[in-house]
Amino acid sequence: MKATFIRGLKQGLHVAWTLSKVIFPITVIVTILQYTPILPWLIEAISPVMGIFGLSGEVAVPLVLGNSLNLYAGIAAIVSFEFTVKEVFIMAVMLSFSHNLFVESTVALKVGVRWPIVIGVRVALACISALLIHLIWSGGEEVAQYGFIQSTQASPSGVVEIGIEGVRTATSSIFQLGAIVIPLMVIMQYFRELGWMTKISSLLSPFTRLLGIKSNASMTLVAGLSIGLAFGAGVMVQAVREDGVAKKDMYLSFIFLVACHAVIEDTLIFIPLGIPVWPLLIIRLTTAIILTATIAFLWNKAEIKQRREQINYGN
């Protein structure tokens, strides 16, 4: 048992170090950027586009912050403005699909998934869902009543303070990463060596078959659903190396998770905004299942066609 713990600890440290080399510099850069003219320029540039989704120009602020930083930054920006219930719900749906793009998309590279696919799918889902809600929902015009008051913090001033803030935020992210990934890798090592991984995969096989994904990718889905893409990437990296997860199954798993990851945390944190969160959860989960199953069907169809053409060509 001690040897298993040591092996898991080594794997956890290795994965945490691998992901830290990606997360730290990106977090520093993006945190610093929010105190430069770049983010305000982005906000001004996309404000006119908000009208397409029935949103006011101010909505660009939480969307840019949420997508460049994280959900908490987006929510902090939301409560700084007076939005309608419909606008807040649309923003919540958009940000649940598309947030923390720089870090989570770069982490995808470590798993072997191309970042343009991750960003493209997430942004497309955010835009399509917002447009559909805008066209279908005719209510929600009353002003949103937020369930809490956001505390204001003094912004850093000067190059040195901004740089320190960037390093502090990045360092905090790395410690959070290690606190989650290292124990998780130890647990995963026990699961593998005690044979529990096979049992879990068997239990989840009906669900993975529905998505067109092989059962050995089940722990990847569980990790992403529970703790998110950035932290769950540790399990994903390990799954590719030790569980023999194929490239196709990893792509399908990631497509599912970009639409629906960290479902508990990412859903609950919207409760203080005073919007219904059950529809938010159902929209994400339904979208992820339909999207992944559809892509798996088309992928399988293309593979069958390719094999037939190879056979015909060989004859």
C-alpha atoms as a PDB file:
ATOM      1  CA  MET A   1       0.000   0.000   0.000  1.00  0.00           C
ATOM      2  CA  LYS A   2       2.870   2.351   0.787  1.00  0.00           C
ATOM      3  CA  ALA A   3       4.427   1.671  -2.613  1.00  0.00           C
ATOM      4  CA  THR A   4       1.096   2.482  -4.273  1.00  0.00           C
ATOM      5  CA  PHE A   5       0.915   5.767  -2.366  1.00  0.00           C
ATOM      6  CA  ILE A   6       4.451   6.716  -3.430  1.00  0.00           C
ATOM      7  CA  ARG A   7       3.715   5.901  -7.077  1.00  0.00           C
ATOM      8  CA  GLY A   8       0.535   7.967  -6.948  1.00  0.00           C
ATOM      9  CA  LEU A   9       2.351  10.839  -5.258  1.00  0.00           C
ATOM     10  CA  LYS A  10       5.050  10.839  -7.933  1.00  0.00           C
ATOM     11  CA  GLN A  11       2.419  10.835 -10.672  1.00  0.00           C
ATOM     12  CA  GLY A  12       0.551  13.664  -8.951  1.00  0.00           C
ATOM     13  CA  LEU A  13       3.664  15.815  -8.631  1.00  0.00           C
ATOM     14  CA  HIS A  14       4.600  15.125 -12.244  1.00  0.00           C
ATOM     15  CA  VAL A  15       1.138  16.029 -13.578  1.00  0.00           C
ATOM     16  CA  ALA A  16       0.880  19.105 -11.318  1.00  0.00           C
ATOM     17  CA  TRP A  17       4.280  20.317 -12.557  1.00  0.00           C
ATOM     18  CA  THR A  18       3.310  19.683 -16.195  1.00  0.00           C
ATOM     19  CA  LEU A  19       0.076  21.670 -15.878  1.00  0.00           C
ATOM     20  CA  SER A  20       1.689  24.396 -13.760  1.00  0.00           C
ATOM     21  CA  LYS A  21       4.095  25.229 -16.589  1.00  0.00           C
ATOM     22  CA  VAL A  22       1.018  26.036 -18.689  1.00  0.00           C
ATOM     23  CA  ILE A  23      -1.302  27.625 -16.134  1.00  0.00           C
ATOM     24  CA  PHE A  24       1.197  29.902 -14.345  1.00  0.00           C
ATOM     25  CA  PRO A  25       2.407  32.061 -17.280  1.00  0.00           C
ATOM     26  CA  ILE A  26      -1.050  32.311 -18.872  1.00  0.00           C
ATOM     27  CA  THR A  27      -2.646  33.372 -15.569  1.00  0.00           C
ATOM     28  CA  VAL A  28       0.041  35.999 -14.989  1.00  0.00           C
ATOM     29  CA  ILE A  29      -0.383  37.442 -18.492  1.00  0.00           C
ATOM     30  CA  VAL A  30      -4.192  37.531 -18.431  1.00  0.00           C
ATOM     31  CA  THR A  31      -4.327  38.994 -14.907  1.00  0.00           C
ATOM     32  CA  ILE A  32      -1.959  41.784 -15.930  1.00  0.00           C
ATOM     33  CA  LEU A  33      -3.920  42.425 -19.134  1.00  0.00           C
ATOM     34  CA  GLN A  34      -7.069  43.333 -17.195  1.00  0.00           C
ATOM     35  CA  TYR A  35      -5.246  46.417 -15.862  1.00  0.00           C
ATOM     36  CA  THR A  36      -4.109  47.524 -19.326  1.00  0.00           C
ATOM     37  CA  PRO A  37      -6.071  49.197 -22.165  1.00  0.00           C
ATOM     38  CA  ILE A  38      -6.351  45.847 -23.971  1.00  0.00           C
ATOM     39  CA  LEU A  39      -9.413  44.472 -22.139  1.00  0.00           C
ATOM     40  CA  PRO A  40     -11.298  47.790 -22.304  1.00  0.00           C
ATOM     41  CA  TRP A  41     -10.559  47.826 -26.036  1.00  0.00           C
ATOM     42  CA  LEU A  42     -11.984  44.312 -26.398  1.00  0.00           C
ATOM     43  CA  ILE A  43     -15.084  45.314 -24.442  1.00  0.00           C
ATOM     44  CA  GLU A  44     -15.645  48.356 -26.635  1.00  0.00           C
ATOM     45  CA  ALA A  45     -15.127  46.271 -29.777  1.00  0.00           C
ATOM     46  CA  ILE A  46     -17.742  43.611 -28.972  1.00  0.00           C
ATOM     47  CA  SER A  47     -20.339  45.878 -27.306  1.00  0.00           C
ATOM     48  CA  PRO A  48     -22.216  46.516 -30.605  1.00  0.00           C
ATOM     49  CA  VAL A  49     -22.483  42.745 -31.173  1.00  0.00           C
ATOM     50  CA  MET A  50     -24.444  42.292 -27.939  1.00  0.00           C
ATOM     51  CA  GLY A  51     -27.619  43.600 -29.584  1.00  0.00           C
ATOM     52  CA  ILE A  52     -27.795  40.423 -31.719  1.00  0.00           C
ATOM     53  CA  PHE A  53     -28.484  38.445 -28.538  1.00  0.00           C
ATOM     54  CA  GLY A  54     -30.871  41.039 -27.110  1.00  0.00           C
ATOM     55  CA  LEU A  55     -28.282  42.255 -24.625  1.00  0.00           C
ATOM     56  CA  SER A  56     -27.147  45.736 -23.660  1.00  0.00           C
ATOM     57  CA  GLY A  57     -23.624  46.923 -24.425  1.00  0.00           C
ATOM     58  CA  GLU A  58     -22.606  46.666 -20.753  1.00  0.00           C
ATOM     59  CA  VAL A  59     -22.937  42.875 -20.974  1.00  0.00           C
ATOM     60  CA  ALA A  60     -19.618  42.871 -22.843  1.00  0.00           C
ATOM     61  CA  VAL A  61     -17.828  43.631 -19.555  1.00  0.00           C
ATOM     62  CA  PRO A  62     -18.718  40.407 -17.654  1.00  0.00           C
ATOM     63  CA  LEU A  63     -18.436  38.330 -20.835  1.00  0.00           C
ATOM     64  CA  VAL A  64     -14.908  39.526 -21.609  1.00  0.00           C
ATOM     65  CA  LEU A  65     -13.770  39.163 -17.985  1.00  0.00           C
ATOM     66  CA  GLY A  66     -15.412  35.744 -17.609  1.00  0.00           C
ATOM     67  CA  ASN A  67     -13.926  34.423 -20.821  1.00  0.00           C
ATOM     68  CA  SER A  68     -10.450  35.821 -20.238  1.00  0.00           C
ATOM     69  CA  LEU A  69     -10.307  35.095 -16.492  1.00  0.00           C
ATOM     70  CA  ASN A  70     -12.935  32.879 -14.837  1.00  0.00           C
ATOM     71  CA  LEU A  71     -16.577  32.645 -13.766  1.00  0.00           C
ATOM     72  CA  TYR A  72     -15.948  34.512 -10.531  1.00  0.00           C
ATOM     73  CA  ALA A  73     -14.580  37.521 -12.419  1.00  0.00           C
ATOM     74  CA  GLY A  74     -17.613  37.433 -14.714  1.00  0.00           C
ATOM     75  CA  ILE A  75     -20.065  37.268 -11.790  1.00  0.00           C
ATOM     76  CA  ALA A  76     -18.257  40.088  -9.988  1.00  0.00           C
ATOM     77  CA  ALA A  77     -18.759  42.214 -13.093  1.00  0.00           C
ATOM     78  CA  ILE A  78     -22.432  41.223 -13.437  1.00  0.00           C
ATOM     79  CA  VAL A  79     -23.366  42.496  -9.964  1.00  0.00           C
ATOM     80  CA  SER A  80     -21.669  45.810 -10.739  1.00  0.00           C
ATOM     81  CA  PHE A  81     -24.387  46.647 -13.283  1.00  0.00           C
ATOM     82  CA  GLU A  82     -28.189  46.725 -13.381  1.00  0.00           C
ATOM     83  CA  PHE A  83     -29.311  43.973 -15.758  1.00  0.00           C
ATOM     84  CA  THR A  84     -32.675  42.324 -16.384  1.00  0.00           C
ATOM     85  CA  VAL A  85     -33.351  38.747 -15.258  1.00  0.00           C
ATOM     86  CA  LYS A  86     -33.288  37.634 -18.894  1.00  0.00           C
ATOM     87  CA  GLU A  87     -29.908  39.272 -19.501  1.00  0.00           C
ATOM     88  CA  VAL A  88     -28.434  37.695 -16.370  1.00  0.00           C
ATOM     89  CA  PHE A  89     -29.751  34.249 -17.352  1.00  0.00           C
ATOM     90  CA  ILE A  90     -28.366  34.578 -20.886  1.00  0.00           C
ATOM     91  CA  MET A  91     -24.986  35.643 -19.495  1.00  0.00           C
ATOM     92  CA  ALA A  92     -25.021  32.708 -17.060  1.00  0.00           C
ATOM     93  CA  VAL A  93     -25.665  30.258 -19.906  1.00  0.00           C
ATOM     94  CA  MET A  94     -23.004  31.848 -22.112  1.00  0.00           C
ATOM     95  CA  LEU A  95     -20.387  31.887 -19.346  1.00  0.00           C
ATOM     96  CA  SER A  96     -21.185  28.311 -18.295  1.00  0.00           C
ATOM     97  CA  PHE A  97     -20.277  27.216 -21.833  1.00  0.00           C
ATOM     98  CA  SER A  98     -17.462  29.666 -22.391  1.00  0.00           C
ATOM     99  CA  HIS A  99     -15.180  30.867 -19.576  1.00  0.00           C
ATOM    100  CA  ASN A 100     -11.488  30.858 -18.662  1.00  0.00           C
ATOM    101  CA  LEU A 101     -10.723  30.210 -22.324  1.00  0.00           C
ATOM    102  CA  PHE A 102      -6.990  30.897 -22.259  1.00  0.00           C
ATOM    103  CA  VAL A 103      -6.078  28.517 -19.429  1.00  0.00           C
ATOM    104  CA  GLU A 104      -8.552  25.716 -20.157  1.00  0.00           C
ATOM    105  CA  SER A 105      -7.888  25.746 -23.893  1.00  0.00           C
ATOM    106  CA  THR A 106      -4.116  25.705 -23.419  1.00  0.00           C
ATOM    107  CA  VAL A 107      -4.454  22.793 -20.996  1.00  0.00           C
ATOM    108  CA  ALA A 108      -6.213  20.919 -23.818  1.00  0.00           C
ATOM    109  CA  LEU A 109      -2.904  20.863 -25.678  1.00  0.00           C
ATOM    110  CA  LYS A 110      -1.403  18.717 -22.911  1.00  0.00           C
ATOM    111  CA  VAL A 111      -4.140  16.156 -23.493  1.00  0.00           C
ATOM    112  CA  GLY A 112      -3.594  16.192 -27.248  1.00  0.00           C
ATOM    113  CA  VAL A 113      -6.723  18.140 -28.229  1.00  0.00           C
ATOM    114  CA  ARG A 114      -6.221  21.146 -30.499  1.00  0.00           C
ATOM    115  CA  TRP A 115      -7.083  24.416 -28.802  1.00  0.00           C
ATOM    116  CA  PRO A 116      -8.999  25.898 -31.787  1.00  0.00           C
ATOM    117  CA  ILE A 117     -11.499  23.034 -31.447  1.00  0.00           C
ATOM    118  CA  VAL A 118     -11.969  23.730 -27.740  1.00  0.00           C
ATOM    119  CA  ILE A 119     -12.401  27.490 -28.213  1.00  0.00           C
ATOM    120  CA  GLY A 120     -14.532  27.099 -31.335  1.00  0.00           C
ATOM    121  CA  VAL A 121     -16.987  24.652 -29.753  1.00  0.00           C
ATOM    122  CA  ARG A 122     -17.314  26.639 -26.534  1.00  0.00           C
ATOM    123  CA  VAL A 123     -17.826  30.030 -28.174  1.00  0.00           C
ATOM    124  CA  ALA A 124     -20.257  28.555 -30.722  1.00  0.00           C
ATOM    125  CA  LEU A 125     -22.339  26.919 -27.970  1.00  0.00           C
ATOM    126  CA  ALA A 126     -22.378  30.167 -25.988  1.00  0.00           C
ATOM    127  CA  CYS A 127     -23.544  32.225 -28.969  1.00  0.00           C
ATOM    128  CA  ILE A 128     -26.125  29.730 -30.245  1.00  0.00           C
ATOM    129  CA  SER A 129     -27.652  29.195 -26.804  1.00  0.00           C
ATOM    130  CA  ALA A 130     -27.842  32.961 -26.173  1.00  0.00           C
ATOM    131  CA  LEU A 131     -29.547  33.562 -29.518  1.00  0.00           C
ATOM    132  CA  LEU A 132     -32.087  30.772 -28.946  1.00  0.00           C
ATOM    133  CA  ILE A 133     -32.960  32.010 -25.441  1.00  0.00           C
ATOM    134  CA  HIS A 134     -33.338  35.557 -26.771  1.00  0.00           C
ATOM    135  CA  LEU A 135     -35.711  34.403 -29.541  1.00  0.00           C
ATOM    136  CA  ILE A 136     -37.738  31.904 -27.466  1.00  0.00           C
ATOM    137  CA  TRP A 137     -38.062  33.617 -24.060  1.00  0.00           C
ATOM    138  CA  SER A 138     -40.328  36.653 -24.110  1.00  0.00           C
ATOM    139  CA  GLY A 139     -40.261  37.348 -20.349  1.00  0.00           C
ATOM    140  CA  GLY A 140     -37.628  38.204 -17.776  1.00  0.00           C
ATOM    141  CA  GLU A 141     -37.670  41.956 -18.389  1.00  0.00           C
ATOM    142  CA  GLU A 142     -37.749  42.840 -14.683  1.00  0.00           C
ATOM    143  CA  VAL A 143     -34.547  44.069 -13.066  1.00  0.00           C
ATOM    144  CA  ALA A 144     -32.499  41.265 -11.512  1.00  0.00           C
ATOM    145  CA  GLN A 145     -32.221  41.210  -7.718  1.00  0.00           C
ATOM    146  CA  TYR A 146     -28.829  39.853  -6.715  1.00  0.00           C
ATOM    147  CA  GLY A 147     -28.618  37.686  -3.618  1.00  0.00           C
ATOM    148  CA  PHE A 148     -25.407  39.247  -2.327  1.00  0.00           C
ATOM    149  CA  ILE A 149     -23.433  42.489  -2.459  1.00  0.00           C
ATOM    150  CA  GLN A 150     -20.025  42.181  -4.032  1.00  0.00           C
ATOM    151  CA  SER A 151     -17.298  43.573  -1.834  1.00  0.00           C
ATOM    152  CA  THR A 152     -15.108  46.103  -3.536  1.00  0.00           C
ATOM    153  CA  GLN A 153     -11.362  45.714  -3.499  1.00  0.00           C
ATOM    154  CA  ALA A 154      -8.782  48.343  -4.325  1.00  0.00           C
ATOM    155  CA  SER A 155      -7.247  47.784  -7.724  1.00  0.00           C
ATOM    156  CA  PRO A 156      -3.459  47.681  -7.888  1.00  0.00           C
ATOM    157  CA  SER A 157      -1.811  50.763  -9.303  1.00  0.00           C
ATOM    158  CA  GLY A 158       1.552  50.963 -10.983  1.00  0.00           C
ATOM    159  CA  VAL A 159       3.564  48.425 -12.938  1.00  0.00           C
ATOM    160  CA  VAL A 160       5.085  46.763  -9.861  1.00  0.00           C
ATOM    161  CA  GLU A 161       1.764  46.283  -8.026  1.00  0.00           C
ATOM    162  CA  ILE A 162       0.079  44.942 -11.155  1.00  0.00           C
ATOM    163  CA  GLY A 163       2.960  42.521 -11.731  1.00  0.00           C
ATOM    164  CA  ILE A 164       2.785  41.350  -8.106  1.00  0.00           C
ATOM    165  CA  GLU A 165      -0.975  40.838  -8.445  1.00  0.00           C
ATOM    166  CA  GLY A 166      -0.419  38.720 -11.549  1.00  0.00           C
ATOM    167  CA  VAL A 167       2.165  36.525  -9.825  1.00  0.00           C
ATOM    168  CA  ARG A 168       0.011  36.259  -6.682  1.00  0.00           C
ATOM    169  CA  THR A 169      -3.038  35.132  -8.672  1.00  0.00           C
ATOM    170  CA  ALA A 170      -0.999  32.625 -10.675  1.00  0.00           C
ATOM    171  CA  THR A 171       0.696  31.242  -7.556  1.00  0.00           C
ATOM    172  CA  SER A 172      -2.677  30.827  -5.863  1.00  0.00           C
ATOM    173  CA  SER A 173      -3.941  28.934  -8.913  1.00  0.00           C
ATOM    174  CA  ILE A 174      -0.944  26.590  -8.794  1.00  0.00           C
ATOM    175  CA  PHE A 175      -1.461  25.816  -5.105  1.00  0.00           C
ATOM    176  CA  GLN A 176      -5.133  25.083  -5.793  1.00  0.00           C
ATOM    177  CA  LEU A 177      -4.074  22.855  -8.662  1.00  0.00           C
ATOM    178  CA  GLY A 178      -1.649  20.889  -6.509  1.00  0.00           C
ATOM    179  CA  ALA A 179      -4.151  20.564  -3.647  1.00  0.00           C
ATOM    180  CA  ILE A 180      -6.625  18.914  -6.015  1.00  0.00           C
ATOM    181  CA  VAL A 181      -4.487  17.051  -8.551  1.00  0.00           C
ATOM    182  CA  ILE A 182      -1.930  15.388  -6.240  1.00  0.00           C
ATOM    183  CA  PRO A 183      -4.452  13.695  -3.883  1.00  0.00           C
ATOM    184  CA  LEU A 184      -6.565  12.801  -6.922  1.00  0.00           C
ATOM    185  CA  MET A 185      -3.620  11.071  -8.591  1.00  0.00           C
ATOM    186  CA  VAL A 186      -2.919   9.094  -5.405  1.00  0.00           C
ATOM    187  CA  ILE A 187      -6.562   7.989  -5.256  1.00  0.00           C
ATOM    188  CA  MET A 188      -6.488   7.088  -8.952  1.00  0.00           C
ATOM    189  CA  GLN A 189      -3.382   4.961  -8.391  1.00  0.00           C
ATOM    190  CA  TYR A 190      -5.179   2.976  -5.675  1.00  0.00           C
ATOM    191  CA  PHE A 191      -8.218   2.619  -7.936  1.00  0.00           C
ATOM    192  CA  ARG A 192      -6.070   1.180 -10.716  1.00  0.00           C
ATOM    193  CA  GLU A 193      -4.071  -1.239  -8.583  1.00  0.00           C
ATOM    194  CA  LEU A 194      -7.103  -2.469  -6.591  1.00  0.00           C
ATOM    195  CA  GLY A 195      -9.152  -3.021  -9.744  1.00  0.00           C
ATOM    196  CA  TRP A 196     -11.778  -0.418  -8.861  1.00  0.00           C
ATOM    197  CA  MET A 197     -11.150   1.479 -12.090  1.00  0.00           C
ATOM    198  CA  THR A 198     -12.496  -1.443 -14.103  1.00  0.00           C
ATOM    199  CA  LYS A 199     -15.624  -1.617 -11.932  1.00  0.00           C
ATOM    200  CA  ILE A 200     -16.314   2.110 -12.322  1.00  0.00           C
ATOM    201  CA  SER A 201     -15.823   1.865 -16.077  1.00  0.00           C
ATOM    202  CA  SER A 202     -18.292  -1.027 -16.207  1.00  0.00           C
ATOM    203  CA  LEU A 203     -20.895   0.915 -14.222  1.00  0.00           C
ATOM    204  CA  LEU A 204     -20.579   3.924 -16.516  1.00  0.00           C
ATOM    205  CA  SER A 205     -20.399   1.936 -19.756  1.00  0.00           C
ATOM    206  CA  PRO A 206     -24.109   2.472 -20.677  1.00  0.00           C
ATOM    207  CA  PHE A 207     -23.592   6.244 -20.445  1.00  0.00           C
ATOM    208  CA  THR A 208     -20.308   6.220 -22.359  1.00  0.00           C
ATOM    209  CA  ARG A 209     -21.870   4.014 -25.068  1.00  0.00           C
ATOM    210  CA  LEU A 210     -24.649   6.598 -25.420  1.00  0.00           C
ATOM    211  CA  LEU A 211     -21.966   9.187 -26.114  1.00  0.00           C
ATOM    212  CA  GLY A 212     -20.078   6.893 -28.500  1.00  0.00           C
ATOM    213  CA  ILE A 213     -17.085   6.764 -26.126  1.00  0.00           C
ATOM    214  CA  LYS A 214     -15.307   3.627 -24.928  1.00  0.00           C
ATOM    215  CA  SER A 215     -15.618   2.796 -21.219  1.00  0.00           C
ATOM    216  CA  ASN A 216     -11.903   3.284 -20.475  1.00  0.00           C
ATOM    217  CA  ALA A 217     -12.483   7.035 -20.820  1.00  0.00           C
ATOM    218  CA  SER A 218     -15.073   7.026 -18.024  1.00  0.00           C
ATOM    219  CA  MET A 219     -12.744   8.419 -15.345  1.00  0.00           C
ATOM    220  CA  THR A 220     -11.858  11.286 -17.661  1.00  0.00           C
ATOM    221  CA  LEU A 221     -15.545  12.171 -17.851  1.00  0.00           C
ATOM    222  CA  VAL A 222     -16.033  11.826 -14.089  1.00  0.00           C
ATOM    223  CA  ALA A 223     -13.039  14.072 -13.360  1.00  0.00           C
ATOM    224  CA  GLY A 224     -14.098  16.738 -15.825  1.00  0.00           C
ATOM    225  CA  LEU A 225     -17.718  16.710 -14.684  1.00  0.00           C
ATOM    226  CA  SER A 226     -16.776  17.029 -11.024  1.00  0.00           C
ATOM    227  CA  ILE A 227     -13.733  19.329 -10.900  1.00  0.00           C
ATOM    228  CA  GLY A 228     -13.574  20.952 -14.333  1.00  0.00           C
ATOM    229  CA  LEU A 229     -11.260  21.056 -17.321  1.00  0.00           C
ATOM    230  CA  ALA A 230      -8.207  22.747 -15.828  1.00  0.00           C
ATOM    231  CA  PHE A 231      -7.988  20.590 -12.691  1.00  0.00           C
ATOM    232  CA  GLY A 232      -9.469  17.494 -14.341  1.00  0.00           C
ATOM    233  CA  ALA A 233      -6.808  17.644 -17.026  1.00  0.00           C
ATOM    234  CA  GLY A 234      -4.489  15.810 -14.644  1.00  0.00           C
ATOM    235  CA  VAL A 235      -6.693  12.732 -14.800  1.00  0.00           C
ATOM    236  CA  MET A 236      -7.044  13.156 -18.559  1.00  0.00           C
ATOM    237  CA  VAL A 237      -3.293  13.261 -19.109  1.00  0.00           C
ATOM    238  CA  GLN A 238      -2.867  10.157 -16.965  1.00  0.00           C
ATOM    239  CA  ALA A 239      -5.735   8.365 -18.745  1.00  0.00           C
ATOM    240  CA  VAL A 240      -4.052   8.827 -22.111  1.00  0.00           C
ATOM    241  CA  ARG A 241      -0.789   7.389 -20.760  1.00  0.00           C
ATOM    242  CA  GLU A 242      -1.984   4.499 -18.586  1.00  0.00           C
ATOM    243  CA  ASP A 243      -5.580   3.619 -19.507  1.00  0.00           C
ATOM    244  CA  GLY A 244      -5.016   3.413 -23.254  1.00  0.00           C
ATOM    245  CA  VAL A 245      -7.665   6.025 -24.096  1.00  0.00           C
ATOM    246  CA  ALA A 246      -7.714   6.456 -27.858  1.00  0.00           C
ATOM    247  CA  LYS A 247      -7.394   9.836 -29.533  1.00  0.00           C
ATOM    248  CA  LYS A 248     -10.977   9.641 -30.815  1.00  0.00           C
ATOM    249  CA  ASP A 249     -12.373   8.897 -27.338  1.00  0.00           C
ATOM    250  CA  MET A 250     -10.308  11.720 -25.829  1.00  0.00           C
ATOM    251  CA  TYR A 251     -11.643  14.175 -28.420  1.00  0.00           C
ATOM    252  CA  LEU A 252     -15.229  13.064 -27.775  1.00  0.00           C
ATOM    253  CA  SER A 253     -14.700  13.265 -24.020  1.00  0.00           C
ATOM    254  CA  PHE A 254     -13.301  16.766 -24.326  1.00  0.00           C
ATOM    255  CA  ILE A 255     -16.171  17.860 -26.602  1.00  0.00           C
ATOM    256  CA  PHE A 256     -18.622  16.636 -23.968  1.00  0.00           C
ATOM    257  CA  LEU A 257     -16.705  18.361 -21.173  1.00  0.00           C
ATOM    258  CA  VAL A 258     -16.289  21.718 -22.902  1.00  0.00           C
ATOM    259  CA  ALA A 259     -20.089  21.881 -22.932  1.00  0.00           C
ATOM    260  CA  CYS A 260     -20.611  20.417 -19.471  1.00  0.00           C
ATOM    261  CA  HIS A 261     -17.817  20.401 -16.868  1.00  0.00           C
ATOM    262  CA  ALA A 262     -17.609  21.157 -13.150  1.00  0.00           C
ATOM    263  CA  VAL A 263     -21.408  20.941 -13.189  1.00  0.00           C
ATOM    264  CA  ILE A 264     -21.855  21.275  -9.421  1.00  0.00           C
ATOM    265  CA  GLU A 265     -19.606  24.278  -8.789  1.00  0.00           C
ATOM    266  CA  ASP A 266     -20.315  26.069 -12.064  1.00  0.00           C
ATOM    267  CA  THR A 267     -24.064  25.764 -11.458  1.00  0.00           C
ATOM    268  CA  LEU A 268     -24.186  26.629  -7.754  1.00  0.00           C
ATOM    269  CA  ILE A 269     -22.115  29.810  -8.050  1.00  0.00           C
ATOM    270  CA  PHE A 270     -24.897  31.376 -10.153  1.00  0.00           C
ATOM    271  CA  ILE A 271     -27.470  30.993  -7.350  1.00  0.00           C
ATOM    272  CA  PRO A 272     -26.597  34.361  -5.720  1.00  0.00           C
ATOM    273  CA  LEU A 273     -27.546  36.077  -8.981  1.00  0.00           C
ATOM    274  CA  GLY A 274     -31.190  35.196  -8.313  1.00  0.00           C
ATOM    275  CA  ILE A 275     -31.747  33.173 -11.496  1.00  0.00           C
ATOM    276  CA  PRO A 276     -33.174  29.632 -11.831  1.00  0.00           C
ATOM    277  CA  VAL A 277     -30.179  27.267 -11.958  1.00  0.00           C
ATOM    278  CA  TRP A 278     -31.979  24.011 -12.799  1.00  0.00           C
ATOM    279  CA  PRO A 279     -32.693  25.145 -16.387  1.00  0.00           C
ATOM    280  CA  LEU A 280     -29.033  26.165 -16.622  1.00  0.00           C
ATOM    281  CA  LEU A 281     -27.894  22.680 -15.598  1.00  0.00           C
ATOM    282  CA  ILE A 282     -30.389  20.939 -17.908  1.00  0.00           C
ATOM    283  CA  ILE A 283     -29.356  23.100 -20.889  1.00  0.00           C
ATOM    284  CA  ARG A 284     -25.667  22.282 -20.376  1.00  0.00           C
ATOM    285  CA  LEU A 285     -26.161  18.554 -19.827  1.00  0.00           C
ATOM    286  CA  THR A 286     -28.627  18.106 -22.700  1.00  0.00           C
ATOM    287  CA  THR A 287     -26.445  20.083 -25.086  1.00  0.00           C
ATOM    288  CA  ALA A 288     -23.347  18.070 -24.143  1.00  0.00           C
ATOM    289  CA  ILE A 289     -25.089  14.707 -24.652  1.00  0.00           C
ATOM    290  CA  ILE A 290     -26.681  15.616 -27.985  1.00  0.00           C
ATOM    291  CA  LEU A 291     -23.543  17.304 -29.344  1.00  0.00           C
ATOM    292  CA  THR A 292     -21.180  14.469 -28.373  1.00  0.00           C
ATOM    293  CA  ALA A 293     -23.517  11.689 -29.539  1.00  0.00           C
ATOM    294  CA  THR A 294     -24.035  13.459 -32.885  1.00  0.00           C
ATOM    295  CA  ILE A 295     -20.319  13.968 -33.494  1.00  0.00           C
ATOM    296  CA  ALA A 296     -19.613  10.343 -32.495  1.00  0.00           C
ATOM    297  CA  PHE A 297     -22.272   9.129 -34.956  1.00  0.00           C
ATOM    298  CA  LEU A 298     -20.859  11.214 -37.797  1.00  0.00           C
ATOM    299  CA  TRP A 299     -17.293  10.197 -36.895  1.00  0.00           C
ATOM    300  CA  ASN A 300     -18.201   6.490 -36.913  1.00  0.00           C
ATOM    301  CA  LYS A 301     -20.037   6.896 -40.189  1.00  0.00           C
ATOM    302  CA  ALA A 302     -17.002   8.566 -41.753  1.00  0.00           C
ATOM    303  CA  GLU A 303     -14.720   5.783 -40.472  1.00  0.00           C
ATOM    304  CA  ILE A 304     -16.986   3.083 -41.936  1.00  0.00           C
ATOM    305  CA  LYS A 305     -17.054   4.880 -45.270  1.00  0.00           C
ATOM    306  CA  GLN A 306     -13.270   5.206 -45.242  1.00  0.00           C
ATOM    307  CA  ARG A 307     -12.797   1.497 -44.495  1.00  0.00           C
ATOM    308  CA  ARG A 308     -15.147   0.538 -47.319  1.00  0.00           C
ATOM    309  CA  GLU A 309     -13.277   2.740 -49.736  1.00  0.00           C
ATOM    310  CA  GLN A 310      -9.977   1.170 -48.653  1.00  0.00           C
ATOM    311  CA  ILE A 311     -11.412  -2.323 -49.159  1.00  0.00           C
ATOM    312  CA  ASN A 312     -12.795  -1.405 -52.579  1.00  0.00           C
ATOM    313  CA  TYR A 313      -9.501   0.204 -53.521  1.00  0.00           C
ATOM    314  CA  GLY A 314      -7.633  -2.918 -52.395  1.00  0.00           C
ATOM    315  CA  ASN A 315      -9.838  -5.100 -54.554  1.00  0.00           C
END
